[in-house]
């Protein structure tokens, strides 16, 4: 399934370790925000105004206790629709 076909409430998985690029409040640049394979849920979907074909997703990933974390901005290539 194409990630761009998914919508709010759909389950996704981190395709790779997702790290802070310096844009996350209360995080350190380079900090791992979600480990590869972590399960998450899409809470918002949008695009970049200058490039409408570039989709961005806000995803809340589960931690090791299965608690959803804060929303993380992800690009299509950061996500997969099935556990790998």
PDB file of N, CA and C in Angstrom:
ATOM      1  N   UNK A   1       0.849  -1.184   0.000  1.00  0.00           N
ATOM      2  CA  UNK A   1       0.000   0.000   0.000  1.00  0.00           C
ATOM      3  C   UNK A   1       0.888   1.239   0.000  1.00  0.00           C
ATOM      4  N   UNK A   2       0.462   2.235  -0.720  1.00  0.00           N
ATOM      5  CA  UNK A   2       1.170   3.505  -0.796  1.00  0.00           C
ATOM      6  C   UNK A   2       0.907   4.306   0.480  1.00  0.00           C
ATOM      7  N   UNK A   3       1.970   4.782   1.103  1.00  0.00           N
ATOM      8  CA  UNK A   3       1.836   5.558   2.343  1.00  0.00           C
ATOM      9  C   UNK A   3       0.924   6.764   2.139  1.00  0.00           C
ATOM     10  N   UNK A   4       0.980   7.408   0.990  1.00  0.00           N
ATOM     11  CA  UNK A   4       0.162   8.598   0.741  1.00  0.00           C
ATOM     12  C   UNK A   4      -1.325   8.294   0.684  1.00  0.00           C
ATOM     13  N   UNK A   5      -1.699   7.015   0.535  1.00  0.00           N
ATOM     14  CA  UNK A   5      -3.108   6.632   0.526  1.00  0.00           C
ATOM     15  C   UNK A   5      -3.661   6.485   1.945  1.00  0.00           C
ATOM     16  N   UNK A   6      -2.771   6.463   2.934  1.00  0.00           N
ATOM     17  CA  UNK A   6      -3.212   6.314   4.321  1.00  0.00           C
ATOM     18  C   UNK A   6      -3.765   7.633   4.848  1.00  0.00           C
ATOM     19  N   UNK A   7      -4.549   7.536   5.925  1.00  0.00           N
ATOM     20  CA  UNK A   7      -5.200   8.722   6.466  1.00  0.00           C
ATOM     21  C   UNK A   7      -5.135   8.705   7.998  1.00  0.00           C
ATOM     22  N   UNK A   8      -5.691   9.715   8.604  1.00  0.00           N
ATOM     23  CA  UNK A   8      -5.722   9.842  10.054  1.00  0.00           C
ATOM     24  C   UNK A   8      -6.342   8.586  10.664  1.00  0.00           C
ATOM     25  N   UNK A   9      -5.671   8.062  11.694  1.00  0.00           N
ATOM     26  CA  UNK A   9      -6.144   6.860  12.384  1.00  0.00           C
ATOM     27  C   UNK A   9      -5.523   5.578  11.877  1.00  0.00           C
ATOM     28  N   UNK A  10      -4.855   5.624  10.725  1.00  0.00           N
ATOM     29  CA  UNK A  10      -4.233   4.428  10.176  1.00  0.00           C
ATOM     30  C   UNK A  10      -2.929   4.120  10.908  1.00  0.00           C
ATOM     31  N   UNK A  11      -2.638   2.828  11.031  1.00  0.00           N
ATOM     32  CA  UNK A  11      -1.421   2.360  11.682  1.00  0.00           C
ATOM     33  C   UNK A  11      -0.281   2.330  10.676  1.00  0.00           C
ATOM     34  N   UNK A  12       0.889   2.804  11.109  1.00  0.00           N
ATOM     35  CA  UNK A  12       2.102   2.782  10.295  1.00  0.00           C
ATOM     36  C   UNK A  12       3.251   2.297  11.174  1.00  0.00           C
ATOM     37  N   UNK A  13       4.385   2.046  10.540  1.00  0.00           N
ATOM     38  CA  UNK A  13       5.589   1.621  11.245  1.00  0.00           C
ATOM     39  C   UNK A  13       6.758   2.491  10.797  1.00  0.00           C
ATOM     40  N   UNK A  14       7.691   2.717  11.698  1.00  0.00           N
ATOM     41  CA  UNK A  14       8.897   3.477  11.342  1.00  0.00           C
ATOM     42  C   UNK A  14       9.750   2.609  10.424  1.00  0.00           C
ATOM     43  N   UNK A  15      10.044   3.101   9.239  1.00  0.00           N
ATOM     44  CA  UNK A  15      10.837   2.358   8.263  1.00  0.00           C
ATOM     45  C   UNK A  15      12.316   2.342   8.642  1.00  0.00           C
ATOM     46  N   UNK A  16      12.700   3.272   9.494  1.00  0.00           N
ATOM     47  CA  UNK A  16      14.092   3.406   9.952  1.00  0.00           C
ATOM     48  C   UNK A  16      14.051   4.159  11.268  1.00  0.00           C
ATOM     49  N   UNK A  17      15.185   4.256  11.953  1.00  0.00           N
ATOM     50  CA  UNK A  17      15.221   5.095  13.144  1.00  0.00           C
ATOM     51  C   UNK A  17      14.903   6.532  12.732  1.00  0.00           C
ATOM     52  N   UNK A  18      14.002   7.166  13.452  1.00  0.00           N
ATOM     53  CA  UNK A  18      13.636   8.555  13.178  1.00  0.00           C
ATOM     54  C   UNK A  18      14.287   9.405  14.259  1.00  0.00           C
ATOM     55  N   UNK A  19      15.138  10.327  13.830  1.00  0.00           N
ATOM     56  CA  UNK A  19      15.887  11.152  14.774  1.00  0.00           C
ATOM     57  C   UNK A  19      15.480  12.616  14.652  1.00  0.00           C
ATOM     58  N   UNK A  20      15.714  13.344  15.719  1.00  0.00           N
ATOM     59  CA  UNK A  20      15.404  14.770  15.762  1.00  0.00           C
ATOM     60  C   UNK A  20      16.380  15.533  14.869  1.00  0.00           C
ATOM     61  N   UNK A  21      15.835  16.314  13.963  1.00  0.00           N
ATOM     62  CA  UNK A  21      16.663  17.129  13.070  1.00  0.00           C
ATOM     63  C   UNK A  21      16.902  18.520  13.654  1.00  0.00           C
ATOM     64  N   UNK A  22      16.543  18.673  14.915  1.00  0.00           N
ATOM     65  CA  UNK A  22      16.697  19.967  15.579  1.00  0.00           C
ATOM     66  C   UNK A  22      15.401  20.746  15.663  1.00  0.00           C
ATOM     67  N   UNK A  23      14.319  20.196  15.140  1.00  0.00           N
ATOM     68  CA  UNK A  23      13.053  20.928  15.104  1.00  0.00           C
ATOM     69  C   UNK A  23      12.067  20.507  16.200  1.00  0.00           C
ATOM     70  N   UNK A  24      12.417  19.499  17.000  1.00  0.00           N
ATOM     71  CA  UNK A  24      11.505  19.026  18.045  1.00  0.00           C
ATOM     72  C   UNK A  24      11.784  19.737  19.366  1.00  0.00           C
ATOM     73  N   UNK A  25      10.784  20.426  19.904  1.00  0.00           N
ATOM     74  CA  UNK A  25      10.970  21.055  21.208  1.00  0.00           C
ATOM     75  C   UNK A  25      11.266  19.984  22.267  1.00  0.00           C
ATOM     76  N   UNK A  26      12.056  20.341  23.248  1.00  0.00           N
ATOM     77  CA  UNK A  26      12.383  19.464  24.370  1.00  0.00           C
ATOM     78  C   UNK A  26      13.121  18.191  23.947  1.00  0.00           C
ATOM     79  N   UNK A  27      13.788  18.214  22.805  1.00  0.00           N
ATOM     80  CA  UNK A  27      14.614  17.101  22.336  1.00  0.00           C
ATOM     81  C   UNK A  27      15.965  17.659  21.921  1.00  0.00           C
ATOM     82  N   UNK A  28      16.907  16.752  21.786  1.00  0.00           N
ATOM     83  CA  UNK A  28      18.244  17.121  21.365  1.00  0.00           C
ATOM     84  C   UNK A  28      18.442  16.680  19.925  1.00  0.00           C
ATOM     85  N   UNK A  29      19.045  17.523  19.110  1.00  0.00           N
ATOM     86  CA  UNK A  29      19.312  17.160  17.724  1.00  0.00           C
ATOM     87  C   UNK A  29      20.082  15.847  17.688  1.00  0.00           C
ATOM     88  N   UNK A  30      19.599  14.914  16.863  1.00  0.00           N
ATOM     89  CA  UNK A  30      20.219  13.601  16.744  1.00  0.00           C
ATOM     90  C   UNK A  30      19.595  12.548  17.649  1.00  0.00           C
ATOM     91  N   UNK A  31      18.756  12.978  18.592  1.00  0.00           N
ATOM     92  CA  UNK A  31      18.097  12.039  19.510  1.00  0.00           C
ATOM     93  C   UNK A  31      17.136  11.140  18.729  1.00  0.00           C
ATOM     94  N   UNK A  32      17.104   9.844  19.060  1.00  0.00           N
ATOM     95  CA  UNK A  32      16.175   8.921  18.410  1.00  0.00           C
ATOM     96  C   UNK A  32      14.783   9.154  18.979  1.00  0.00           C
ATOM     97  N   UNK A  33      13.839   9.468  18.086  1.00  0.00           N
ATOM     98  CA  UNK A  33      12.458   9.730  18.481  1.00  0.00           C
ATOM     99  C   UNK A  33      11.583   8.495  18.331  1.00  0.00           C
ATOM    100  N   UNK A  34      11.906   7.645  17.356  1.00  0.00           N
ATOM    101  CA  UNK A  34      11.195   6.375  17.144  1.00  0.00           C
ATOM    102  C   UNK A  34      12.181   5.397  16.521  1.00  0.00           C
ATOM    103  N   UNK A  35      12.226   4.186  17.064  1.00  0.00           N
ATOM    104  CA  UNK A  35      13.133   3.186  16.538  1.00  0.00           C
ATOM    105  C   UNK A  35      12.518   2.485  15.340  1.00  0.00           C
ATOM    106  N   UNK A  36      13.363   2.017  14.433  1.00  0.00           N
ATOM    107  CA  UNK A  36      12.901   1.283  13.254  1.00  0.00           C
ATOM    108  C   UNK A  36      11.960   0.173  13.704  1.00  0.00           C
ATOM    109  N   UNK A  37      10.815   0.065  13.032  1.00  0.00           N
ATOM    110  CA  UNK A  37       9.827  -0.959  13.340  1.00  0.00           C
ATOM    111  C   UNK A  37       8.793  -0.554  14.367  1.00  0.00           C
ATOM    112  N   UNK A  38       8.974   0.605  15.017  1.00  0.00           N
ATOM    113  CA  UNK A  38       8.002   1.060  16.013  1.00  0.00           C
ATOM    114  C   UNK A  38       6.646   1.278  15.352  1.00  0.00           C
ATOM    115  N   UNK A  39       5.591   0.850  16.047  1.00  0.00           N
ATOM    116  CA  UNK A  39       4.225   1.020  15.535  1.00  0.00           C
ATOM    117  C   UNK A  39       3.702   2.376  15.961  1.00  0.00           C
ATOM    118  N   UNK A  40       2.984   3.034  15.054  1.00  0.00           N
ATOM    119  CA  UNK A  40       2.418   4.337  15.358  1.00  0.00           C
ATOM    120  C   UNK A  40       1.077   4.525  14.671  1.00  0.00           C
ATOM    121  N   UNK A  41       0.450   5.632  14.972  1.00  0.00           N
ATOM    122  CA  UNK A  41      -0.834   5.976  14.364  1.00  0.00           C
ATOM    123  C   UNK A  41      -0.734   7.387  13.798  1.00  0.00           C
ATOM    124  N   UNK A  42      -1.263   7.567  12.591  1.00  0.00           N
ATOM    125  CA  UNK A  42      -1.269   8.883  11.957  1.00  0.00           C
ATOM    126  C   UNK A  42      -2.310   9.753  12.659  1.00  0.00           C
ATOM    127  N   UNK A  43      -1.894  10.937  13.126  1.00  0.00           N
ATOM    128  CA  UNK A  43      -2.823  11.844  13.802  1.00  0.00           C
ATOM    129  C   UNK A  43      -3.107  13.095  12.975  1.00  0.00           C
ATOM    130  N   UNK A  44      -2.300  13.336  11.952  1.00  0.00           N
ATOM    131  CA  UNK A  44      -2.535  14.453  11.039  1.00  0.00           C
ATOM    132  C   UNK A  44      -1.759  14.193   9.757  1.00  0.00           C
ATOM    133  N   UNK A  45      -2.283  14.684   8.669  1.00  0.00           N
ATOM    134  CA  UNK A  45      -1.649  14.511   7.362  1.00  0.00           C
ATOM    135  C   UNK A  45      -1.760  15.828   6.607  1.00  0.00           C
ATOM    136  N   UNK A  46      -0.692  16.208   5.946  1.00  0.00           N
ATOM    137  CA  UNK A  46      -0.714  17.456   5.192  1.00  0.00           C
ATOM    138  C   UNK A  46       0.368  17.462   4.135  1.00  0.00           C
ATOM    139  N   UNK A  47       0.662  18.656   3.647  1.00  0.00           N
ATOM    140  CA  UNK A  47       1.724  18.787   2.640  1.00  0.00           C
ATOM    141  C   UNK A  47       2.432  20.129   2.849  1.00  0.00           C
ATOM    142  N   UNK A  48       3.562  20.238   2.202  1.00  0.00           N
ATOM    143  CA  UNK A  48       4.323  21.474   2.252  1.00  0.00           C
ATOM    144  C   UNK A  48       3.738  22.436   1.221  1.00  0.00           C
ATOM    145  N   UNK A  49       3.436  23.643   1.631  1.00  0.00           N
ATOM    146  CA  UNK A  49       2.772  24.598   0.741  1.00  0.00           C
ATOM    147  C   UNK A  49       3.523  24.814  -0.564  1.00  0.00           C
ATOM    148  N   UNK A  50       4.847  24.936  -0.473  1.00  0.00           N
ATOM    149  CA  UNK A  50       5.646  25.195  -1.677  1.00  0.00           C
ATOM    150  C   UNK A  50       5.724  23.982  -2.597  1.00  0.00           C
ATOM    151  N   UNK A  51       5.567  22.783  -2.027  1.00  0.00           N
ATOM    152  CA  UNK A  51       5.627  21.546  -2.813  1.00  0.00           C
ATOM    153  C   UNK A  51       4.476  20.631  -2.390  1.00  0.00           C
ATOM    154  N   UNK A  52       3.290  20.849  -2.947  1.00  0.00           N
ATOM    155  CA  UNK A  52       2.107  20.093  -2.514  1.00  0.00           C
ATOM    156  C   UNK A  52       2.241  18.582  -2.695  1.00  0.00           C
ATOM    157  N   UNK A  53       3.172  18.144  -3.542  1.00  0.00           N
ATOM    158  CA  UNK A  53       3.357  16.699  -3.729  1.00  0.00           C
ATOM    159  C   UNK A  53       4.170  16.075  -2.598  1.00  0.00           C
ATOM    160  N   UNK A  54       4.741  16.891  -1.716  1.00  0.00           N
ATOM    161  CA  UNK A  54       5.518  16.402  -0.577  1.00  0.00           C
ATOM    162  C   UNK A  54       4.611  16.293   0.644  1.00  0.00           C
ATOM    163  N   UNK A  55       4.225  15.067   0.970  1.00  0.00           N
ATOM    164  CA  UNK A  55       3.335  14.839   2.105  1.00  0.00           C
ATOM    165  C   UNK A  55       4.128  14.755   3.395  1.00  0.00           C
ATOM    166  N   UNK A  56       3.538  15.277   4.450  1.00  0.00           N
ATOM    167  CA  UNK A  56       4.115  15.169   5.788  1.00  0.00           C
ATOM    168  C   UNK A  56       3.034  14.588   6.692  1.00  0.00           C
ATOM    169  N   UNK A  57       3.458  13.741   7.608  1.00  0.00           N
ATOM    170  CA  UNK A  57       2.544  13.055   8.513  1.00  0.00           C
ATOM    171  C   UNK A  57       2.958  13.347   9.948  1.00  0.00           C
ATOM    172  N   UNK A  58       1.987  13.575  10.811  1.00  0.00           N
ATOM    173  CA  UNK A  58       2.245  13.606  12.242  1.00  0.00           C
ATOM    174  C   UNK A  58       1.837  12.239  12.771  1.00  0.00           C
ATOM    175  N   UNK A  59       2.803  11.574  13.405  1.00  0.00           N
ATOM    176  CA  UNK A  59       2.588  10.207  13.865  1.00  0.00           C
ATOM    177  C   UNK A  59       2.939  10.119  15.338  1.00  0.00           C
ATOM    178  N   UNK A  60       2.099   9.426  16.091  1.00  0.00           N
ATOM    179  CA  UNK A  60       2.396   9.119  17.493  1.00  0.00           C
ATOM    180  C   UNK A  60       2.816   7.659  17.547  1.00  0.00           C
ATOM    181  N   UNK A  61       4.076   7.427  17.909  1.00  0.00           N
ATOM    182  CA  UNK A  61       4.614   6.073  17.977  1.00  0.00           C
ATOM    183  C   UNK A  61       4.513   5.528  19.395  1.00  0.00           C
ATOM    184  N   UNK A  62       4.347   4.215  19.498  1.00  0.00           N
ATOM    185  CA  UNK A  62       4.333   3.547  20.797  1.00  0.00           C
ATOM    186  C   UNK A  62       5.757   3.414  21.327  1.00  0.00           C
ATOM    187  N   UNK A  63       5.886   3.490  22.652  1.00  0.00           N
ATOM    188  CA  UNK A  63       7.182   3.208  23.266  1.00  0.00           C
ATOM    189  C   UNK A  63       7.187   1.748  23.725  1.00  0.00           C
ATOM    190  N   UNK A  64       8.193   1.359  24.487  1.00  0.00           N
ATOM    191  CA  UNK A  64       8.317  -0.042  24.908  1.00  0.00           C
ATOM    192  C   UNK A  64       7.200  -0.485  25.851  1.00  0.00           C
ATOM    193  N   UNK A  65       6.462   0.469  26.455  1.00  0.00           N
ATOM    194  CA  UNK A  65       5.326   0.122  27.308  1.00  0.00           C
ATOM    195  C   UNK A  65       3.999   0.220  26.555  1.00  0.00           C
ATOM    196  N   UNK A  66       4.071   0.407  25.235  1.00  0.00           N
ATOM    197  CA  UNK A  66       2.912   0.536  24.341  1.00  0.00           C
ATOM    198  C   UNK A  66       2.124   1.823  24.575  1.00  0.00           C
ATOM    199  N   UNK A  67       2.776   2.806  25.181  1.00  0.00           N
ATOM    200  CA  UNK A  67       2.171   4.122  25.387  1.00  0.00           C
ATOM    201  C   UNK A  67       2.506   5.005  24.184  1.00  0.00           C
ATOM    202  N   UNK A  68       1.496   5.696  23.654  1.00  0.00           N
ATOM    203  CA  UNK A  68       1.737   6.589  22.529  1.00  0.00           C
ATOM    204  C   UNK A  68       2.517   7.816  22.972  1.00  0.00           C
ATOM    205  N   UNK A  69       3.551   8.146  22.220  1.00  0.00           N
ATOM    206  CA  UNK A  69       4.366   9.325  22.501  1.00  0.00           C
ATOM    207  C   UNK A  69       3.778  10.563  21.846  1.00  0.00           C
ATOM    208  N   UNK A  70       4.508  11.637  21.944  1.00  0.00           N
ATOM    209  CA  UNK A  70       4.065  12.897  21.338  1.00  0.00           C
ATOM    210  C   UNK A  70       4.152  12.799  19.812  1.00  0.00           C
ATOM    211  N   UNK A  71       3.401  13.621  19.095  1.00  0.00           N
ATOM    212  CA  UNK A  71       3.430  13.583  17.629  1.00  0.00           C
ATOM    213  C   UNK A  71       4.800  13.947  17.077  1.00  0.00           C
ATOM    214  N   UNK A  72       5.205  13.200  16.070  1.00  0.00           N
ATOM    215  CA  UNK A  72       6.482  13.406  15.388  1.00  0.00           C
ATOM    216  C   UNK A  72       6.183  13.652  13.916  1.00  0.00           C
ATOM    217  N   UNK A  73       6.771  14.676  13.341  1.00  0.00           N
ATOM    218  CA  UNK A  73       6.631  14.931  11.913  1.00  0.00           C
ATOM    219  C   UNK A  73       7.471  13.939  11.115  1.00  0.00           C
ATOM    220  N   UNK A  74       6.843  13.279  10.143  1.00  0.00           N
ATOM    221  CA  UNK A  74       7.518  12.257   9.347  1.00  0.00           C
ATOM    222  C   UNK A  74       7.262  12.482   7.860  1.00  0.00           C
ATOM    223  N   UNK A  75       8.259  12.149   7.063  1.00  0.00           N
ATOM    224  CA  UNK A  75       8.113  12.145   5.611  1.00  0.00           C
ATOM    225  C   UNK A  75       7.680  10.753   5.171  1.00  0.00           C
ATOM    226  N   UNK A  76       7.167  10.649   3.974  1.00  0.00           N
ATOM    227  CA  UNK A  76       6.713   9.373   3.419  1.00  0.00           C
ATOM    228  C   UNK A  76       7.796   8.296   3.551  1.00  0.00           C
ATOM    229  N   UNK A  77       9.056   8.644   3.279  1.00  0.00           N
ATOM    230  CA  UNK A  77      10.132   7.651   3.294  1.00  0.00           C
ATOM    231  C   UNK A  77      10.486   7.186   4.717  1.00  0.00           C
ATOM    232  N   UNK A  78       9.966   7.870   5.742  1.00  0.00           N
ATOM    233  CA  UNK A  78      10.199   7.466   7.127  1.00  0.00           C
ATOM    234  C   UNK A  78       9.248   6.356   7.568  1.00  0.00           C
ATOM    235  N   UNK A  79       8.215   6.093   6.766  1.00  0.00           N
ATOM    236  CA  UNK A  79       7.120   5.223   7.186  1.00  0.00           C
ATOM    237  C   UNK A  79       6.929   4.031   6.258  1.00  0.00           C
ATOM    238  N   UNK A  80       6.350   2.962   6.811  1.00  0.00           N
ATOM    239  CA  UNK A  80       5.901   1.826   6.008  1.00  0.00           C
ATOM    240  C   UNK A  80       4.548   1.385   6.576  1.00  0.00           C
ATOM    241  N   UNK A  81       3.750   0.757   5.738  1.00  0.00           N
ATOM    242  CA  UNK A  81       2.390   0.425   6.140  1.00  0.00           C
ATOM    243  C   UNK A  81       2.281  -0.948   6.785  1.00  0.00           C
ATOM    244  N   UNK A  82       3.321  -1.777   6.661  1.00  0.00           N
ATOM    245  CA  UNK A  82       3.318  -3.096   7.285  1.00  0.00           C
ATOM    246  C   UNK A  82       4.619  -3.282   8.042  1.00  0.00           C
ATOM    247  N   UNK A  83       4.539  -4.027   9.137  1.00  0.00           N
ATOM    248  CA  UNK A  83       5.752  -4.287   9.923  1.00  0.00           C
ATOM    249  C   UNK A  83       6.766  -5.004   9.054  1.00  0.00           C
ATOM    250  N   UNK A  84       8.035  -4.590   9.187  1.00  0.00           N
ATOM    251  CA  UNK A  84       9.064  -5.160   8.332  1.00  0.00           C
ATOM    252  C   UNK A  84       9.877  -6.167   8.979  1.00  0.00           C
TER     253      UNK A  84
END
